[in-house]
């Protein structure tokens, strides 16, 4: 097993769609966010460790609308 296999093992598959409205589905948006997370966040062994690492990640690029 190579290092790249381990890193890619946490990535989720996002199927292509011919319909434009599908990009706004919650499942599609969540997949994009999950796949953009750093490896140390998604490979956390415990929920508390995952939450503390997730708190340090800037997710502003995924906000929709004006603040």
N, C-alpha and C. Protein backbone atom coordinates (compact mmCIF):
# COMPACT_ATOMS: atom_id res chain seq x y z
N UNK A 1 0.85 -1.18 0.00
CA UNK A 1 0.00 0.00 0.00
C UNK A 1 0.89 1.24 0.00
N UNK A 2 0.56 2.18 -0.84
CA UNK A 2 1.33 3.41 -0.95
C UNK A 2 0.68 4.52 -0.14
N UNK A 3 1.45 5.56 0.14
CA UNK A 3 0.94 6.69 0.91
C UNK A 3 -0.26 7.33 0.22
N UNK A 4 -0.23 7.47 -1.09
CA UNK A 4 -1.34 8.09 -1.83
C UNK A 4 -2.63 7.28 -1.69
N UNK A 5 -2.51 5.95 -1.57
CA UNK A 5 -3.69 5.12 -1.37
C UNK A 5 -4.34 5.41 -0.02
N UNK A 6 -3.52 5.66 0.99
CA UNK A 6 -4.05 5.95 2.31
C UNK A 6 -4.73 7.32 2.32
N UNK A 7 -4.10 8.30 1.70
CA UNK A 7 -4.67 9.65 1.67
C UNK A 7 -5.99 9.66 0.92
N UNK A 8 -6.06 8.97 -0.21
CA UNK A 8 -7.27 8.98 -1.02
C UNK A 8 -8.35 8.07 -0.46
N UNK A 9 -8.04 7.26 0.55
CA UNK A 9 -9.04 6.34 1.07
C UNK A 9 -10.16 7.06 1.80
N UNK A 10 -9.94 8.30 2.24
CA UNK A 10 -10.97 9.06 2.94
C UNK A 10 -11.78 9.96 2.01
N UNK A 11 -11.41 10.03 0.73
CA UNK A 11 -12.13 10.85 -0.23
C UNK A 11 -13.40 10.12 -0.66
N UNK A 12 -14.48 10.86 -0.83
CA UNK A 12 -15.74 10.29 -1.25
C UNK A 12 -15.98 10.63 -2.72
N UNK A 13 -16.59 9.73 -3.44
CA UNK A 13 -16.82 9.89 -4.87
C UNK A 13 -18.00 10.82 -5.11
N UNK A 14 -17.81 11.79 -5.98
CA UNK A 14 -18.85 12.74 -6.35
C UNK A 14 -19.22 12.48 -7.81
N UNK A 15 -20.37 11.87 -8.06
CA UNK A 15 -20.74 11.56 -9.44
C UNK A 15 -21.06 12.82 -10.23
N UNK A 16 -20.74 12.78 -11.51
CA UNK A 16 -21.08 13.90 -12.39
C UNK A 16 -22.57 13.88 -12.68
N UNK A 17 -23.10 15.06 -12.93
CA UNK A 17 -24.53 15.17 -13.22
C UNK A 17 -24.74 16.10 -14.40
N UNK A 18 -25.69 15.73 -15.24
CA UNK A 18 -26.03 16.58 -16.37
C UNK A 18 -27.01 17.67 -15.97
N UNK A 19 -27.61 17.53 -14.81
CA UNK A 19 -28.61 18.47 -14.34
C UNK A 19 -27.93 19.50 -13.43
N UNK A 20 -28.08 20.76 -13.72
CA UNK A 20 -27.42 21.82 -12.99
C UNK A 20 -27.97 21.98 -11.56
N UNK A 21 -29.23 21.67 -11.36
CA UNK A 21 -29.83 21.87 -10.04
C UNK A 21 -29.26 20.92 -9.00
N UNK A 22 -28.67 19.83 -9.42
CA UNK A 22 -28.15 18.85 -8.47
C UNK A 22 -26.97 19.37 -7.66
N UNK A 23 -26.27 20.37 -8.18
CA UNK A 23 -25.12 20.90 -7.45
C UNK A 23 -25.51 21.55 -6.13
N UNK A 24 -26.79 21.85 -5.95
CA UNK A 24 -27.26 22.49 -4.73
C UNK A 24 -27.81 21.49 -3.71
N UNK A 25 -27.82 20.21 -4.03
CA UNK A 25 -28.28 19.21 -3.08
C UNK A 25 -27.35 19.19 -1.87
N UNK A 26 -27.90 18.92 -0.72
CA UNK A 26 -27.11 18.90 0.51
C UNK A 26 -26.01 17.85 0.43
N UNK A 27 -26.32 16.68 -0.09
CA UNK A 27 -25.32 15.61 -0.16
C UNK A 27 -24.13 16.02 -1.02
N UNK A 28 -24.36 16.71 -2.11
CA UNK A 28 -23.29 17.14 -2.99
C UNK A 28 -22.44 18.21 -2.31
N UNK A 29 -23.08 19.14 -1.63
CA UNK A 29 -22.34 20.19 -0.92
C UNK A 29 -21.49 19.61 0.19
N UNK A 30 -22.03 18.63 0.91
CA UNK A 30 -21.29 18.01 2.01
C UNK A 30 -20.08 17.24 1.47
N UNK A 31 -20.24 16.57 0.34
CA UNK A 31 -19.12 15.84 -0.25
C UNK A 31 -17.98 16.77 -0.63
N UNK A 32 -18.31 17.91 -1.18
CA UNK A 32 -17.26 18.88 -1.55
C UNK A 32 -16.51 19.37 -0.32
N UNK A 33 -17.23 19.62 0.75
CA UNK A 33 -16.59 20.08 1.99
C UNK A 33 -15.72 18.97 2.57
N UNK A 34 -16.24 17.75 2.64
CA UNK A 34 -15.49 16.63 3.20
C UNK A 34 -14.21 16.38 2.41
N UNK A 35 -14.29 16.38 1.08
CA UNK A 35 -13.12 16.12 0.26
C UNK A 35 -12.09 17.23 0.32
N UNK A 36 -12.47 18.42 0.77
CA UNK A 36 -11.52 19.51 0.88
C UNK A 36 -10.82 19.57 2.23
N UNK A 37 -11.28 18.77 3.19
CA UNK A 37 -10.67 18.79 4.52
C UNK A 37 -9.25 18.21 4.48
N UNK A 38 -8.36 18.75 5.29
CA UNK A 38 -6.99 18.22 5.36
C UNK A 38 -6.99 16.78 5.89
N UNK A 39 -5.96 16.05 5.55
CA UNK A 39 -5.84 14.65 5.93
C UNK A 39 -5.83 14.45 7.44
N UNK A 40 -5.19 15.34 8.18
CA UNK A 40 -5.12 15.15 9.63
C UNK A 40 -6.49 15.30 10.29
N UNK A 41 -7.40 16.00 9.66
CA UNK A 41 -8.76 16.16 10.21
C UNK A 41 -9.57 14.89 9.98
N UNK A 42 -9.59 14.40 8.75
CA UNK A 42 -10.44 13.25 8.45
C UNK A 42 -9.88 11.94 9.00
N UNK A 43 -8.61 11.90 9.31
CA UNK A 43 -8.03 10.66 9.83
C UNK A 43 -7.97 10.65 11.36
N UNK A 44 -8.64 11.60 12.00
CA UNK A 44 -8.67 11.63 13.47
C UNK A 44 -9.33 10.36 13.99
N UNK A 45 -8.74 9.80 15.00
CA UNK A 45 -9.22 8.53 15.53
C UNK A 45 -10.42 8.63 16.46
N UNK A 46 -10.64 9.80 17.03
CA UNK A 46 -11.74 9.98 17.98
C UNK A 46 -12.54 11.22 17.60
N UNK A 47 -13.79 11.24 17.99
CA UNK A 47 -14.67 12.35 17.67
C UNK A 47 -14.17 13.65 18.27
N UNK A 48 -13.71 13.63 19.50
CA UNK A 48 -13.23 14.86 20.13
C UNK A 48 -12.00 15.41 19.41
N UNK A 49 -11.14 14.54 18.93
CA UNK A 49 -9.97 14.97 18.17
C UNK A 49 -10.40 15.54 16.82
N UNK A 50 -11.38 14.91 16.18
CA UNK A 50 -11.92 15.40 14.91
C UNK A 50 -12.50 16.80 15.08
N UNK A 51 -13.29 17.00 16.13
CA UNK A 51 -13.93 18.30 16.37
C UNK A 51 -12.89 19.39 16.64
N UNK A 52 -11.88 19.07 17.43
CA UNK A 52 -10.86 20.09 17.72
C UNK A 52 -10.05 20.44 16.48
N UNK A 53 -9.77 19.47 15.63
CA UNK A 53 -9.03 19.76 14.39
C UNK A 53 -9.91 20.48 13.38
N UNK A 54 -11.18 20.14 13.35
CA UNK A 54 -12.11 20.79 12.43
C UNK A 54 -12.30 22.26 12.79
N UNK A 55 -12.23 22.58 14.06
CA UNK A 55 -12.40 23.96 14.51
C UNK A 55 -11.29 24.87 13.98
N UNK A 56 -10.14 24.30 13.64
CA UNK A 56 -9.01 25.08 13.13
C UNK A 56 -9.05 25.27 11.62
N UNK A 57 -9.99 24.63 10.92
CA UNK A 57 -10.06 24.70 9.46
C UNK A 57 -10.97 25.86 9.05
N UNK A 58 -10.53 26.65 8.09
CA UNK A 58 -11.31 27.76 7.57
C UNK A 58 -12.26 27.23 6.49
N UNK A 59 -13.56 27.28 6.76
CA UNK A 59 -14.56 26.78 5.82
C UNK A 59 -15.37 27.91 5.19
N UNK A 60 -14.84 29.13 5.22
CA UNK A 60 -15.56 30.28 4.69
C UNK A 60 -15.88 30.18 3.20
N UNK A 61 -15.06 29.46 2.46
CA UNK A 61 -15.29 29.34 1.01
C UNK A 61 -16.58 28.58 0.69
N UNK A 62 -17.12 27.86 1.66
CA UNK A 62 -18.33 27.09 1.42
C UNK A 62 -19.59 27.78 1.90
N UNK A 63 -19.47 28.96 2.49
CA UNK A 63 -20.65 29.70 2.93
C UNK A 63 -21.42 30.25 1.73
N UNK A 64 -22.72 30.14 1.80
CA UNK A 64 -23.57 30.62 0.71
C UNK A 64 -24.33 31.83 1.22
N UNK A 65 -24.36 32.90 0.44
CA UNK A 65 -25.07 34.10 0.83
C UNK A 65 -24.16 35.12 1.46
N UNK A 66 -24.73 36.26 1.76
CA UNK A 66 -23.95 37.34 2.35
C UNK A 66 -24.05 37.29 3.86
N UNK A 67 -23.01 37.71 4.50
CA UNK A 67 -22.98 37.70 5.96
C UNK A 67 -23.13 39.11 6.46
